[in-house]
Amino acid sequence: MSLVINSDDITLNDEQQLTDVAERYQLDDLYAPASEDYSPWMFVEGSEGMWARYLWFDLRLGQWGAMVKSEGPGVLGRHKHRSSVLGYTVSGSWGYEEYDWEAKAGDVVQESPGVIHTLRSVNPTGFETFFVLNGSIDWYDEEGNVVLVEDVFYNVHRYEQYCKQNGLEVNQALFRR
């Protein structure tokens, strides 16, 4: 069986047609306010002085957006991303123990998957960075053993547990639909 589409039925430049398709299928635009009422800062377990605040979860793409910060010296721990990560440094500075660069306010970092690294605060007053994370993250102990695999589902569960433990309502606006 073959499908035949008459090209006369498709007009690529018909603005109304494009608008109709977008209204039927497009996700709503994302607005993530800086307010902790939208999403609270949560201490990152296993870290030294690191906090995270979720901005969105997209379970279909396996993606989440988060702010990560420290208010002084801090270490996030040895990990490896299995997909790309994009970071924008809002304030302060941070880097990886394994690299010789330092991300300062205004800097963009694009990480390729597959390298083990250890995030640390470089600035004694800390840093704040916006990250877009995809796929999973493997977390390692000192002997090189994987001790946790983190992904969007893990982070949704972590967020829900935090809300439950602190008497907060889960913010449905965090979930991309």
N, C-alpha and C. Protein backbone atom coordinates (compact mmCIF):
# COMPACT_ATOMS: atom_id res chain seq x y z
N MET A 1 0.85 -1.18 0.00
CA MET A 1 0.00 0.00 0.00
C MET A 1 0.89 1.23 0.00
N SER A 2 0.59 2.17 -0.82
CA SER A 2 1.35 3.40 -0.85
C SER A 2 0.41 4.58 -0.62
N LEU A 3 0.98 5.61 -0.08
CA LEU A 3 0.22 6.82 0.22
C LEU A 3 0.58 7.85 -0.84
N VAL A 4 -0.41 8.42 -1.45
CA VAL A 4 -0.18 9.44 -2.46
C VAL A 4 -0.75 10.75 -1.94
N ILE A 5 0.09 11.76 -1.95
CA ILE A 5 -0.36 13.09 -1.55
C ILE A 5 -0.28 13.99 -2.76
N ASN A 6 -1.38 14.61 -3.08
CA ASN A 6 -1.43 15.53 -4.19
C ASN A 6 -0.81 16.84 -3.75
N SER A 7 0.28 17.24 -4.38
CA SER A 7 0.97 18.47 -3.97
C SER A 7 0.10 19.71 -4.13
N ASP A 8 -0.96 19.62 -4.93
CA ASP A 8 -1.87 20.76 -5.07
C ASP A 8 -2.66 21.00 -3.78
N ASP A 9 -2.72 19.96 -2.90
CA ASP A 9 -3.45 20.09 -1.64
C ASP A 9 -2.62 20.75 -0.54
N ILE A 10 -1.31 20.95 -0.80
CA ILE A 10 -0.41 21.50 0.21
C ILE A 10 0.12 22.84 -0.28
N THR A 11 -0.12 23.85 0.50
CA THR A 11 0.41 25.17 0.20
C THR A 11 1.35 25.55 1.33
N LEU A 12 2.64 25.56 1.05
CA LEU A 12 3.63 25.81 2.08
C LEU A 12 3.64 27.24 2.58
N ASN A 13 3.10 28.15 1.81
CA ASN A 13 3.16 29.55 2.19
C ASN A 13 1.84 30.07 2.75
N ASP A 14 0.92 29.19 3.04
CA ASP A 14 -0.38 29.60 3.56
C ASP A 14 -0.26 29.83 5.06
N GLU A 15 -0.22 31.09 5.45
CA GLU A 15 -0.01 31.47 6.86
C GLU A 15 -1.11 30.91 7.76
N GLN A 16 -2.34 30.92 7.32
CA GLN A 16 -3.44 30.39 8.14
C GLN A 16 -3.27 28.89 8.37
N GLN A 17 -2.82 28.19 7.35
CA GLN A 17 -2.59 26.75 7.47
C GLN A 17 -1.51 26.47 8.53
N LEU A 18 -0.44 27.23 8.48
CA LEU A 18 0.64 27.08 9.47
C LEU A 18 0.15 27.42 10.87
N THR A 19 -0.63 28.47 11.00
CA THR A 19 -1.18 28.86 12.30
C THR A 19 -2.10 27.78 12.85
N ASP A 20 -2.94 27.20 12.00
CA ASP A 20 -3.85 26.14 12.42
C ASP A 20 -3.08 24.92 12.94
N VAL A 21 -2.03 24.54 12.23
CA VAL A 21 -1.21 23.40 12.65
C VAL A 21 -0.56 23.71 14.00
N ALA A 22 0.00 24.89 14.15
CA ALA A 22 0.64 25.26 15.40
C ALA A 22 -0.34 25.24 16.56
N GLU A 23 -1.54 25.76 16.35
CA GLU A 23 -2.54 25.78 17.43
C GLU A 23 -2.96 24.37 17.84
N ARG A 24 -2.96 23.44 16.91
CA ARG A 24 -3.36 22.06 17.22
C ARG A 24 -2.27 21.28 17.94
N TYR A 25 -1.00 21.51 17.61
CA TYR A 25 0.05 20.59 18.06
C TYR A 25 1.17 21.21 18.89
N GLN A 26 1.34 22.48 18.84
CA GLN A 26 2.47 23.12 19.49
C GLN A 26 2.33 23.14 21.01
N LEU A 27 3.46 22.99 21.71
CA LEU A 27 3.47 23.17 23.15
C LEU A 27 3.26 24.65 23.48
N ASP A 28 2.70 24.92 24.63
CA ASP A 28 2.61 26.30 25.09
C ASP A 28 4.01 26.84 25.31
N ASP A 29 4.17 28.14 25.16
CA ASP A 29 5.45 28.77 25.46
C ASP A 29 5.76 28.55 26.94
N LEU A 30 7.04 28.52 27.26
CA LEU A 30 7.48 28.31 28.63
C LEU A 30 7.81 29.65 29.27
N TYR A 31 7.27 29.87 30.44
CA TYR A 31 7.65 31.01 31.26
C TYR A 31 7.97 30.46 32.64
N ALA A 32 9.21 30.61 33.07
CA ALA A 32 9.64 30.10 34.37
C ALA A 32 10.13 31.27 35.22
N PRO A 33 9.27 31.80 36.09
CA PRO A 33 9.68 32.93 36.91
C PRO A 33 10.79 32.57 37.91
N ALA A 34 11.53 33.56 38.34
CA ALA A 34 12.63 33.35 39.28
C ALA A 34 12.14 33.07 40.70
N SER A 35 10.88 33.23 40.95
CA SER A 35 10.32 33.08 42.29
C SER A 35 10.44 31.65 42.81
N GLU A 36 10.78 31.52 44.07
CA GLU A 36 10.82 30.19 44.70
C GLU A 36 9.41 29.64 44.90
N ASP A 37 8.38 30.46 44.72
CA ASP A 37 7.01 29.94 44.72
C ASP A 37 6.77 29.07 43.49
N TYR A 38 7.46 29.37 42.41
CA TYR A 38 7.35 28.58 41.18
C TYR A 38 8.10 27.26 41.34
N SER A 39 9.31 27.34 41.89
CA SER A 39 10.14 26.15 42.09
C SER A 39 11.18 26.47 43.15
N PRO A 40 11.22 25.67 44.23
CA PRO A 40 12.14 25.97 45.34
C PRO A 40 13.58 25.52 45.07
N TRP A 41 14.51 26.16 45.73
CA TRP A 41 15.90 25.69 45.73
C TRP A 41 15.96 24.45 46.60
N MET A 42 16.60 23.41 46.10
CA MET A 42 16.72 22.14 46.81
C MET A 42 18.20 21.78 46.93
N PHE A 43 18.61 21.37 48.12
CA PHE A 43 20.00 20.94 48.30
C PHE A 43 20.26 19.70 47.46
N VAL A 44 21.39 19.63 46.80
CA VAL A 44 21.73 18.48 45.96
C VAL A 44 22.43 17.44 46.85
N GLU A 45 21.74 16.32 47.08
CA GLU A 45 22.30 15.26 47.91
C GLU A 45 23.62 14.78 47.36
N GLY A 46 24.56 14.50 48.24
CA GLY A 46 25.86 14.00 47.83
C GLY A 46 26.83 15.08 47.39
N SER A 47 26.38 16.32 47.35
CA SER A 47 27.26 17.42 46.95
C SER A 47 27.82 18.11 48.19
N GLU A 48 28.72 19.01 47.96
CA GLU A 48 29.22 19.88 49.02
C GLU A 48 28.77 21.30 48.68
N GLY A 49 27.68 21.75 49.30
CA GLY A 49 27.23 23.12 49.14
C GLY A 49 26.56 23.49 47.84
N MET A 50 25.94 22.54 47.15
CA MET A 50 25.28 22.83 45.88
C MET A 50 23.76 22.75 46.01
N TRP A 51 23.10 23.63 45.27
CA TRP A 51 21.64 23.72 45.28
C TRP A 51 21.14 23.72 43.85
N ALA A 52 19.93 23.20 43.63
CA ALA A 52 19.33 23.18 42.30
C ALA A 52 17.88 23.64 42.41
N ARG A 53 17.41 24.28 41.34
CA ARG A 53 16.02 24.72 41.23
C ARG A 53 15.54 24.36 39.84
N TYR A 54 14.55 23.49 39.75
CA TYR A 54 14.04 23.04 38.46
C TYR A 54 13.21 24.12 37.78
N LEU A 55 13.37 24.22 36.46
CA LEU A 55 12.61 25.19 35.67
C LEU A 55 11.59 24.51 34.77
N TRP A 56 11.88 23.28 34.32
CA TRP A 56 10.91 22.50 33.56
C TRP A 56 11.35 21.05 33.51
N PHE A 57 10.38 20.22 33.22
CA PHE A 57 10.61 18.79 32.94
C PHE A 57 9.90 18.47 31.63
N ASP A 58 10.61 17.84 30.70
CA ASP A 58 9.99 17.37 29.46
C ASP A 58 10.27 15.88 29.35
N LEU A 59 9.30 15.07 29.77
CA LEU A 59 9.49 13.63 29.80
C LEU A 59 9.58 13.02 28.41
N ARG A 60 8.96 13.64 27.42
CA ARG A 60 9.03 13.12 26.06
C ARG A 60 10.43 13.23 25.49
N LEU A 61 11.12 14.31 25.81
CA LEU A 61 12.48 14.52 25.30
C LEU A 61 13.56 14.02 26.25
N GLY A 62 13.17 13.66 27.48
CA GLY A 62 14.16 13.27 28.47
C GLY A 62 15.01 14.45 28.89
N GLN A 63 14.39 15.63 28.98
CA GLN A 63 15.11 16.88 29.20
C GLN A 63 14.56 17.61 30.42
N TRP A 64 15.44 18.34 31.10
CA TRP A 64 15.00 19.23 32.15
C TRP A 64 15.90 20.45 32.17
N GLY A 65 15.33 21.54 32.65
CA GLY A 65 16.08 22.78 32.81
C GLY A 65 16.21 23.05 34.29
N ALA A 66 17.37 23.53 34.71
CA ALA A 66 17.60 23.78 36.13
C ALA A 66 18.61 24.89 36.34
N MET A 67 18.43 25.59 37.42
CA MET A 67 19.45 26.51 37.91
C MET A 67 20.26 25.71 38.93
N VAL A 68 21.56 25.89 38.92
CA VAL A 68 22.44 25.26 39.91
C VAL A 68 23.27 26.37 40.52
N LYS A 69 23.44 26.30 41.85
CA LYS A 69 24.23 27.35 42.50
C LYS A 69 24.96 26.81 43.72
N SER A 70 25.96 27.57 44.12
CA SER A 70 26.59 27.42 45.43
C SER A 70 26.72 28.84 45.97
N GLU A 71 26.74 28.95 47.28
CA GLU A 71 26.87 30.28 47.89
C GLU A 71 28.27 30.47 48.45
N GLY A 72 29.16 29.62 48.08
CA GLY A 72 30.55 29.64 48.50
C GLY A 72 31.25 28.47 47.83
N PRO A 73 32.33 27.97 48.43
CA PRO A 73 32.97 26.80 47.85
C PRO A 73 31.99 25.64 47.76
N GLY A 74 32.11 24.86 46.71
CA GLY A 74 31.22 23.72 46.55
C GLY A 74 31.72 22.76 45.49
N VAL A 75 31.30 21.50 45.62
CA VAL A 75 31.67 20.46 44.67
C VAL A 75 30.44 19.62 44.39
N LEU A 76 30.18 19.37 43.11
CA LEU A 76 29.01 18.59 42.72
C LEU A 76 29.31 17.10 42.61
N GLY A 77 30.53 16.70 42.40
CA GLY A 77 30.86 15.28 42.36
C GLY A 77 31.16 14.79 40.95
N ARG A 78 31.81 13.62 40.89
CA ARG A 78 32.23 13.03 39.62
C ARG A 78 31.02 12.47 38.89
N HIS A 79 30.85 12.88 37.64
CA HIS A 79 29.72 12.42 36.86
C HIS A 79 30.05 12.44 35.36
N LYS A 80 29.22 11.71 34.61
CA LYS A 80 29.35 11.66 33.15
C LYS A 80 27.96 11.82 32.54
N HIS A 81 27.84 12.75 31.62
CA HIS A 81 26.59 12.95 30.89
C HIS A 81 26.55 12.01 29.71
N ARG A 82 25.38 11.43 29.46
CA ARG A 82 25.21 10.54 28.30
C ARG A 82 24.58 11.28 27.12
N SER A 83 24.24 12.54 27.31
CA SER A 83 23.75 13.41 26.24
C SER A 83 24.33 14.79 26.47
N SER A 84 24.08 15.70 25.55
CA SER A 84 24.67 17.03 25.65
C SER A 84 24.05 17.85 26.78
N VAL A 85 24.83 18.81 27.25
CA VAL A 85 24.40 19.74 28.29
C VAL A 85 24.78 21.14 27.82
N LEU A 86 23.90 22.09 28.06
CA LEU A 86 24.17 23.48 27.75
C LEU A 86 24.07 24.27 29.03
N GLY A 87 25.07 25.11 29.31
CA GLY A 87 25.07 25.91 30.52
C GLY A 87 25.35 27.37 30.22
N TYR A 88 24.67 28.25 30.94
CA TYR A 88 24.92 29.69 30.86
C TYR A 88 25.18 30.20 32.27
N THR A 89 26.36 30.75 32.51
CA THR A 89 26.74 31.23 33.83
C THR A 89 26.12 32.60 34.08
N VAL A 90 25.27 32.67 35.09
CA VAL A 90 24.56 33.90 35.44
C VAL A 90 25.44 34.78 36.32
N SER A 91 26.10 34.17 37.32
CA SER A 91 26.95 34.94 38.23
C SER A 91 28.04 34.04 38.80
N GLY A 92 29.09 34.67 39.31
CA GLY A 92 30.19 33.92 39.90
C GLY A 92 30.99 33.17 38.85
N SER A 93 31.61 32.09 39.28
CA SER A 93 32.38 31.27 38.34
C SER A 93 32.46 29.83 38.84
N TRP A 94 32.59 28.94 37.88
CA TRP A 94 32.67 27.51 38.17
C TRP A 94 33.49 26.84 37.08
N GLY A 95 33.86 25.62 37.32
CA GLY A 95 34.61 24.86 36.33
C GLY A 95 34.63 23.40 36.71
N TYR A 96 35.43 22.63 35.98
CA TYR A 96 35.61 21.22 36.26
C TYR A 96 37.04 20.99 36.72
N GLU A 97 37.20 20.20 37.74
CA GLU A 97 38.54 19.90 38.25
C GLU A 97 39.43 19.35 37.16
N GLU A 98 38.86 18.67 36.18
CA GLU A 98 39.62 18.02 35.13
C GLU A 98 40.01 18.95 33.98
N TYR A 99 39.48 20.18 33.94
CA TYR A 99 39.76 21.12 32.85
C TYR A 99 40.46 22.36 33.39
N ASP A 100 41.09 23.11 32.47
CA ASP A 100 41.80 24.31 32.90
C ASP A 100 41.03 25.60 32.63
N TRP A 101 39.77 25.52 32.20
CA TRP A 101 38.98 26.72 31.96
C TRP A 101 38.07 27.03 33.16
N GLU A 102 37.61 28.26 33.21
CA GLU A 102 36.71 28.73 34.27
C GLU A 102 35.55 29.47 33.61
N ALA A 103 34.31 29.01 33.86
CA ALA A 103 33.13 29.67 33.30
C ALA A 103 32.74 30.83 34.21
N LYS A 104 32.77 32.03 33.67
CA LYS A 104 32.44 33.25 34.41
C LYS A 104 31.09 33.78 33.94
N ALA A 105 30.56 34.75 34.67
CA ALA A 105 29.26 35.34 34.32
C ALA A 105 29.23 35.74 32.86
N GLY A 106 28.18 35.28 32.17
CA GLY A 106 28.01 35.55 30.74
C GLY A 106 28.57 34.47 29.84
N ASP A 107 29.36 33.54 30.38
CA ASP A 107 29.95 32.47 29.57
C ASP A 107 28.93 31.36 29.31
N VAL A 108 29.06 30.75 28.14
CA VAL A 108 28.24 29.61 27.74
C VAL A 108 29.15 28.39 27.65
N VAL A 109 28.66 27.27 28.17
CA VAL A 109 29.40 26.01 28.10
C VAL A 109 28.49 24.98 27.44
N GLN A 110 29.01 24.32 26.42
CA GLN A 110 28.29 23.21 25.79
C GLN A 110 29.13 21.97 26.02
N GLU A 111 28.55 21.00 26.75
CA GLU A 111 29.28 19.78 27.07
C GLU A 111 28.83 18.65 26.16
N SER A 112 29.81 17.96 25.62
CA SER A 112 29.52 16.76 24.84
C SER A 112 29.44 15.58 25.79
N PRO A 113 28.68 14.56 25.44
CA PRO A 113 28.55 13.41 26.32
C PRO A 113 29.82 12.57 26.38
N GLY A 114 29.97 11.82 27.49
CA GLY A 114 30.97 10.79 27.56
C GLY A 114 32.21 11.05 28.38
N VAL A 115 32.38 12.23 28.96
CA VAL A 115 33.57 12.54 29.73
C VAL A 115 33.20 12.66 31.21
N ILE A 116 34.00 12.04 32.07
CA ILE A 116 33.78 12.15 33.52
C ILE A 116 34.44 13.44 34.00
N HIS A 117 33.67 14.22 34.74
CA HIS A 117 34.21 15.46 35.28
C HIS A 117 33.57 15.77 36.64
N THR A 118 34.17 16.74 37.35
CA THR A 118 33.75 17.11 38.70
C THR A 118 33.53 18.61 38.76
N LEU A 119 32.28 19.04 38.87
CA LEU A 119 31.95 20.47 38.90
C LEU A 119 32.34 21.05 40.25
N ARG A 120 32.94 22.23 40.22
CA ARG A 120 33.33 22.91 41.46
C ARG A 120 33.13 24.41 41.32
N SER A 121 32.85 25.03 42.43
CA SER A 121 32.77 26.49 42.47
C SER A 121 34.18 27.04 42.48
N VAL A 122 34.47 27.98 41.61
CA VAL A 122 35.79 28.60 41.55
C VAL A 122 35.80 29.88 42.38
N ASN A 123 34.69 30.60 42.36
CA ASN A 123 34.57 31.87 43.07
C ASN A 123 34.28 31.59 44.55
N PRO A 124 34.98 32.23 45.49
CA PRO A 124 34.73 31.97 46.92
C PRO A 124 33.33 32.39 47.37
N THR A 125 32.66 33.24 46.57
CA THR A 125 31.28 33.61 46.91
C THR A 125 30.25 32.80 46.14
N GLY A 126 30.72 31.80 45.38
CA GLY A 126 29.81 30.90 44.69
C GLY A 126 29.55 31.26 43.24
N PHE A 127 28.48 30.68 42.71
CA PHE A 127 28.10 30.88 41.32
C PHE A 127 26.62 30.53 41.16
N GLU A 128 26.06 30.91 40.03
CA GLU A 128 24.72 30.48 39.64
C GLU A 128 24.74 30.28 38.12
N THR A 129 24.28 29.10 37.69
CA THR A 129 24.31 28.74 36.27
C THR A 129 23.00 28.09 35.87
N PHE A 130 22.54 28.43 34.68
CA PHE A 130 21.36 27.82 34.07
C PHE A 130 21.83 26.67 33.19
N PHE A 131 21.26 25.47 33.41
CA PHE A 131 21.62 24.30 32.62
C PHE A 131 20.40 23.72 31.92
N VAL A 132 20.59 23.26 30.69
CA VAL A 132 19.62 22.45 29.97
C VAL A 132 20.26 21.07 29.86
N LEU A 133 19.62 20.08 30.50
CA LEU A 133 20.19 18.73 30.57
C LEU A 133 19.32 17.75 29.81
N ASN A 134 19.96 16.82 29.15
CA ASN A 134 19.28 15.82 28.34
C ASN A 134 19.77 14.43 28.73
N GLY A 135 18.92 13.43 28.57
CA GLY A 135 19.35 12.06 28.79
C GLY A 135 19.65 11.76 30.24
N SER A 136 20.68 10.95 30.46
CA SER A 136 21.00 10.54 31.83
C SER A 136 22.39 10.99 32.22
N ILE A 137 22.61 10.96 33.54
CA ILE A 137 23.90 11.30 34.13
C ILE A 137 24.31 10.14 35.02
N ASP A 138 25.53 9.63 34.82
CA ASP A 138 26.08 8.59 35.68
C ASP A 138 26.91 9.27 36.76
N TRP A 139 26.67 8.93 38.02
CA TRP A 139 27.42 9.47 39.15
C TRP A 139 28.36 8.39 39.68
N TYR A 140 29.60 8.77 39.98
CA TYR A 140 30.66 7.83 40.36
C TYR A 140 31.14 8.06 41.78
N ASP A 141 31.56 6.96 42.42
CA ASP A 141 32.23 7.07 43.71
C ASP A 141 33.74 7.20 43.48
N GLU A 142 34.51 7.23 44.56
CA GLU A 142 35.96 7.42 44.47
C GLU A 142 36.66 6.27 43.75
N GLU A 143 36.05 5.07 43.77
CA GLU A 143 36.65 3.91 43.11
C GLU A 143 36.24 3.79 41.64
N GLY A 144 35.43 4.69 41.15
CA GLY A 144 35.01 4.65 39.76
C GLY A 144 33.77 3.82 39.49
N ASN A 145 33.05 3.47 40.55
CA ASN A 145 31.81 2.71 40.40
C ASN A 145 30.63 3.64 40.22
N VAL A 146 29.71 3.29 39.32
CA VAL A 146 28.49 4.07 39.15
C VAL A 146 27.61 3.83 40.37
N VAL A 147 27.25 4.91 41.06
CA VAL A 147 26.43 4.79 42.27
C VAL A 147 25.01 5.32 42.07
N LEU A 148 24.78 6.04 40.97
CA LEU A 148 23.46 6.58 40.69
C LEU A 148 23.37 6.91 39.21
N VAL A 149 22.23 6.61 38.61
CA VAL A 149 21.93 7.06 37.26
C VAL A 149 20.75 8.01 37.38
N GLU A 150 20.99 9.24 37.00
CA GLU A 150 19.99 10.31 37.14
C GLU A 150 19.45 10.66 35.76
N ASP A 151 18.13 10.83 35.66
CA ASP A 151 17.51 11.27 34.42
C ASP A 151 16.30 12.13 34.76
N VAL A 152 15.51 12.49 33.77
CA VAL A 152 14.37 13.36 34.01
C VAL A 152 13.38 12.72 34.98
N PHE A 153 13.20 11.39 34.91
CA PHE A 153 12.25 10.71 35.80
C PHE A 153 12.74 10.75 37.25
N TYR A 154 14.03 10.55 37.44
CA TYR A 154 14.63 10.67 38.77
C TYR A 154 14.40 12.07 39.34
N ASN A 155 14.60 13.08 38.50
CA ASN A 155 14.46 14.46 38.97
C ASN A 155 13.01 14.83 39.26
N VAL A 156 12.07 14.32 38.47
CA VAL A 156 10.65 14.53 38.78
C VAL A 156 10.33 13.91 40.13
N HIS A 157 10.78 12.69 40.36
CA HIS A 157 10.54 12.02 41.64
C HIS A 157 11.17 12.81 42.79
N ARG A 158 12.39 13.26 42.59
CA ARG A 158 13.09 14.06 43.62
C ARG A 158 12.29 15.32 43.95
N TYR A 159 11.82 16.00 42.92
CA TYR A 159 11.03 17.22 43.12
C TYR A 159 9.72 16.91 43.85
N GLU A 160 9.01 15.85 43.44
CA GLU A 160 7.76 15.48 44.11
C GLU A 160 7.99 15.13 45.58
N GLN A 161 9.05 14.39 45.88
CA GLN A 161 9.37 14.02 47.26
C GLN A 161 9.68 15.26 48.09
N TYR A 162 10.43 16.19 47.51
CA TYR A 162 10.76 17.42 48.22
C TYR A 162 9.47 18.18 48.56
N CYS A 163 8.58 18.30 47.59
CA CYS A 163 7.31 18.99 47.82
C CYS A 163 6.51 18.31 48.92
N LYS A 164 6.42 17.01 48.87
CA LYS A 164 5.67 16.24 49.87
C LYS A 164 6.26 16.45 51.27
N GLN A 165 7.58 16.35 51.39
CA GLN A 165 8.26 16.49 52.68
C GLN A 165 8.17 17.90 53.25
N ASN A 166 7.96 18.88 52.38
CA ASN A 166 7.93 20.28 52.83
C ASN A 166 6.55 20.92 52.74
N GLY A 167 5.52 20.10 52.53
CA GLY A 167 4.15 20.60 52.49
C GLY A 167 3.87 21.54 51.34
N LEU A 168 4.54 21.34 50.21
CA LEU A 168 4.37 22.19 49.04
C LEU A 168 3.54 21.46 47.99
N GLU A 169 2.80 22.21 47.22
CA GLU A 169 2.04 21.63 46.11
C GLU A 169 2.96 21.49 44.91
N VAL A 170 2.88 20.36 44.21
CA VAL A 170 3.65 20.16 42.99
C VAL A 170 3.15 21.16 41.94
N ASN A 171 4.07 21.91 41.37
CA ASN A 171 3.71 22.93 40.37
C ASN A 171 3.59 22.25 39.01
N GLN A 172 2.36 22.09 38.53
CA GLN A 172 2.12 21.44 37.24
C GLN A 172 2.68 22.23 36.07
N ALA A 173 2.94 23.53 36.27
CA ALA A 173 3.49 24.35 35.18
C ALA A 173 4.92 23.93 34.83
N LEU A 174 5.59 23.15 35.69
CA LEU A 174 6.93 22.68 35.39
C LEU A 174 6.96 21.60 34.31
N PHE A 175 5.82 20.98 34.05
CA PHE A 175 5.78 19.83 33.15
C PHE A 175 5.34 20.26 31.76
N ARG A 176 6.23 20.04 30.77
CA ARG A 176 5.98 20.42 29.38
C ARG A 176 5.00 19.40 28.79
N ARG A 177 3.89 19.89 28.29
CA ARG A 177 2.89 19.02 27.68
C ARG A 177 2.50 19.56 26.33
